[in-house]
């Protein structure tokens, strides 16, 4: 469970970082919990897509 939370945090921070200048002006650590939750939701969506892609690649590798 902890690794899922760590993964979600990494994804959220990475997505937030794509804002570039805004992310520099408003560091992650200073974001209000409600704002972080928005990024966690986006992170979970990105993680779901990545997990689907990984699962599909593993299926293809196993079945040729």
N, C-alpha and C. Protein backbone atom coordinates (compact mmCIF):
# COMPACT_ATOMS: atom_id res chain seq x y z
N UNK A 1 0.82 -1.20 0.00
CA UNK A 1 0.00 0.00 0.00
C UNK A 1 0.86 1.25 0.00
N UNK A 2 1.89 1.24 0.79
CA UNK A 2 2.78 2.40 0.86
C UNK A 2 3.40 2.70 -0.49
N UNK A 3 3.75 1.64 -1.24
CA UNK A 3 4.36 1.87 -2.54
C UNK A 3 3.37 2.49 -3.51
N UNK A 4 2.07 2.17 -3.38
CA UNK A 4 1.05 2.80 -4.22
C UNK A 4 0.94 4.29 -3.90
N UNK A 5 1.02 4.62 -2.62
CA UNK A 5 0.96 6.02 -2.21
C UNK A 5 2.20 6.76 -2.70
N UNK A 6 3.36 6.13 -2.58
CA UNK A 6 4.59 6.74 -3.08
C UNK A 6 4.53 6.93 -4.60
N UNK A 7 3.99 5.93 -5.29
CA UNK A 7 3.87 6.02 -6.75
C UNK A 7 2.93 7.16 -7.13
N UNK A 8 1.80 7.24 -6.44
CA UNK A 8 0.84 8.31 -6.72
C UNK A 8 1.47 9.68 -6.49
N UNK A 9 2.25 9.79 -5.42
CA UNK A 9 2.94 11.05 -5.11
C UNK A 9 3.93 11.41 -6.23
N UNK A 10 4.70 10.43 -6.70
CA UNK A 10 5.67 10.68 -7.78
C UNK A 10 4.96 11.13 -9.06
N UNK A 11 3.88 10.45 -9.40
CA UNK A 11 3.13 10.83 -10.60
C UNK A 11 2.55 12.23 -10.45
N UNK A 12 1.94 12.52 -9.30
CA UNK A 12 1.32 13.83 -9.08
C UNK A 12 2.35 14.94 -9.17
N UNK A 13 3.49 14.75 -8.53
CA UNK A 13 4.54 15.77 -8.60
C UNK A 13 5.06 15.95 -10.02
N UNK A 14 5.20 14.85 -10.73
CA UNK A 14 5.69 14.93 -12.11
C UNK A 14 4.69 15.68 -13.00
N UNK A 15 3.41 15.35 -12.86
CA UNK A 15 2.39 16.05 -13.64
C UNK A 15 2.34 17.53 -13.27
N UNK A 16 2.41 17.83 -11.99
CA UNK A 16 2.40 19.23 -11.54
C UNK A 16 3.60 19.98 -12.12
N UNK A 17 4.72 19.30 -12.21
CA UNK A 17 5.92 19.91 -12.75
C UNK A 17 5.80 20.34 -14.20
N UNK A 18 4.83 19.76 -14.93
CA UNK A 18 4.66 20.16 -16.33
C UNK A 18 4.14 21.59 -16.45
N UNK A 19 3.69 22.17 -15.34
CA UNK A 19 3.24 23.56 -15.37
C UNK A 19 4.41 24.53 -15.47
N UNK A 20 5.61 24.01 -15.30
CA UNK A 20 6.85 24.77 -15.38
C UNK A 20 6.85 26.02 -14.51
N UNK A 21 6.64 27.19 -15.09
CA UNK A 21 6.78 28.45 -14.35
C UNK A 21 5.84 28.50 -13.16
N UNK A 22 4.59 28.10 -13.36
CA UNK A 22 3.64 28.12 -12.25
C UNK A 22 4.08 27.20 -11.13
N UNK A 23 4.61 26.04 -11.48
CA UNK A 23 5.08 25.09 -10.47
C UNK A 23 6.30 25.65 -9.72
N UNK A 24 7.11 26.42 -10.43
CA UNK A 24 8.27 27.04 -9.77
C UNK A 24 7.82 28.14 -8.82
N UNK A 25 6.83 28.91 -9.21
CA UNK A 25 6.32 30.00 -8.36
C UNK A 25 5.55 29.49 -7.16
N UNK A 26 4.91 28.32 -7.33
CA UNK A 26 4.08 27.74 -6.27
C UNK A 26 4.54 26.30 -6.02
N UNK A 27 5.58 26.12 -5.23
CA UNK A 27 6.12 24.78 -5.00
C UNK A 27 5.07 23.80 -4.46
N UNK A 28 5.26 22.56 -4.81
CA UNK A 28 4.36 21.48 -4.40
C UNK A 28 4.09 21.50 -2.90
N UNK A 29 5.15 21.69 -2.14
CA UNK A 29 5.04 21.64 -0.68
C UNK A 29 4.08 22.70 -0.13
N UNK A 30 3.87 23.78 -0.87
CA UNK A 30 3.01 24.86 -0.41
C UNK A 30 1.57 24.76 -0.90
N UNK A 31 1.27 23.75 -1.70
CA UNK A 31 -0.09 23.62 -2.22
C UNK A 31 -1.07 23.22 -1.12
N UNK A 32 -2.24 23.78 -1.20
CA UNK A 32 -3.31 23.41 -0.27
C UNK A 32 -3.72 21.96 -0.54
N UNK A 33 -4.19 21.26 0.48
CA UNK A 33 -4.60 19.86 0.30
C UNK A 33 -5.61 19.66 -0.84
N UNK A 34 -6.55 20.58 -1.00
CA UNK A 34 -7.54 20.45 -2.08
C UNK A 34 -6.88 20.52 -3.45
N UNK A 35 -5.89 21.37 -3.59
CA UNK A 35 -5.17 21.47 -4.86
C UNK A 35 -4.35 20.20 -5.13
N UNK A 36 -3.73 19.68 -4.09
CA UNK A 36 -2.98 18.43 -4.25
C UNK A 36 -3.90 17.29 -4.66
N UNK A 37 -5.10 17.29 -4.10
CA UNK A 37 -6.05 16.21 -4.42
C UNK A 37 -6.38 16.19 -5.90
N UNK A 38 -6.46 17.36 -6.52
CA UNK A 38 -6.69 17.42 -7.97
C UNK A 38 -5.56 16.71 -8.70
N UNK A 39 -4.32 16.96 -8.28
CA UNK A 39 -3.17 16.33 -8.93
C UNK A 39 -3.10 14.84 -8.62
N UNK A 40 -3.55 14.44 -7.43
CA UNK A 40 -3.59 13.01 -7.11
C UNK A 40 -4.61 12.30 -8.01
N UNK A 41 -5.73 12.94 -8.27
CA UNK A 41 -6.73 12.35 -9.17
C UNK A 41 -6.16 12.19 -10.57
N UNK A 42 -5.47 13.19 -11.05
CA UNK A 42 -4.83 13.10 -12.37
C UNK A 42 -3.77 12.02 -12.38
N UNK A 43 -3.01 11.92 -11.29
CA UNK A 43 -1.97 10.90 -11.18
C UNK A 43 -2.58 9.51 -11.24
N UNK A 44 -3.68 9.31 -10.54
CA UNK A 44 -4.33 8.00 -10.54
C UNK A 44 -4.82 7.63 -11.94
N UNK A 45 -5.30 8.60 -12.69
CA UNK A 45 -5.73 8.34 -14.07
C UNK A 45 -4.53 7.96 -14.93
N UNK A 46 -3.43 8.66 -14.79
CA UNK A 46 -2.22 8.35 -15.56
C UNK A 46 -1.68 6.98 -15.17
N UNK A 47 -1.73 6.66 -13.89
CA UNK A 47 -1.26 5.36 -13.42
C UNK A 47 -2.12 4.24 -14.01
N UNK A 48 -3.41 4.44 -14.08
CA UNK A 48 -4.31 3.42 -14.63
C UNK A 48 -3.98 3.14 -16.10
N UNK A 49 -3.72 4.20 -16.86
CA UNK A 49 -3.35 4.02 -18.27
C UNK A 49 -2.02 3.28 -18.37
N UNK A 50 -1.05 3.68 -17.57
CA UNK A 50 0.26 3.03 -17.59
C UNK A 50 0.13 1.55 -17.21
N UNK A 51 -0.67 1.26 -16.20
CA UNK A 51 -0.87 -0.13 -15.78
C UNK A 51 -1.51 -0.96 -16.89
N UNK A 52 -2.48 -0.39 -17.59
CA UNK A 52 -3.11 -1.09 -18.72
C UNK A 52 -2.09 -1.37 -19.82
N UNK A 53 -1.26 -0.39 -20.13
CA UNK A 53 -0.24 -0.56 -21.17
C UNK A 53 0.78 -1.63 -20.77
N UNK A 54 1.17 -1.62 -19.52
CA UNK A 54 2.13 -2.62 -19.04
C UNK A 54 1.51 -4.01 -19.10
N UNK A 55 0.27 -4.15 -18.64
CA UNK A 55 -0.41 -5.45 -18.67
C UNK A 55 -0.54 -5.96 -20.10
N UNK A 56 -0.88 -5.09 -21.01
CA UNK A 56 -1.02 -5.49 -22.43
C UNK A 56 0.34 -5.93 -22.99
N UNK A 57 1.38 -5.20 -22.68
CA UNK A 57 2.72 -5.56 -23.16
C UNK A 57 3.14 -6.92 -22.60
N UNK A 58 2.83 -7.17 -21.34
CA UNK A 58 3.17 -8.47 -20.73
C UNK A 58 2.37 -9.60 -21.40
N UNK A 59 1.10 -9.37 -21.69
CA UNK A 59 0.29 -10.38 -22.38
C UNK A 59 0.87 -10.69 -23.74
N UNK A 60 1.23 -9.65 -24.49
CA UNK A 60 1.81 -9.86 -25.82
C UNK A 60 3.12 -10.63 -25.73
N UNK A 61 3.94 -10.29 -24.74
CA UNK A 61 5.24 -10.95 -24.58
C UNK A 61 5.06 -12.43 -24.25
N UNK A 62 4.07 -12.76 -23.46
CA UNK A 62 3.82 -14.16 -23.07
C UNK A 62 3.23 -14.98 -24.20
N UNK A 63 2.41 -14.35 -25.01
CA UNK A 63 1.68 -15.09 -26.05
C UNK A 63 2.23 -14.84 -27.46
N UNK A 64 3.31 -14.13 -27.53
CA UNK A 64 3.97 -13.88 -28.81
C UNK A 64 3.22 -13.04 -29.68
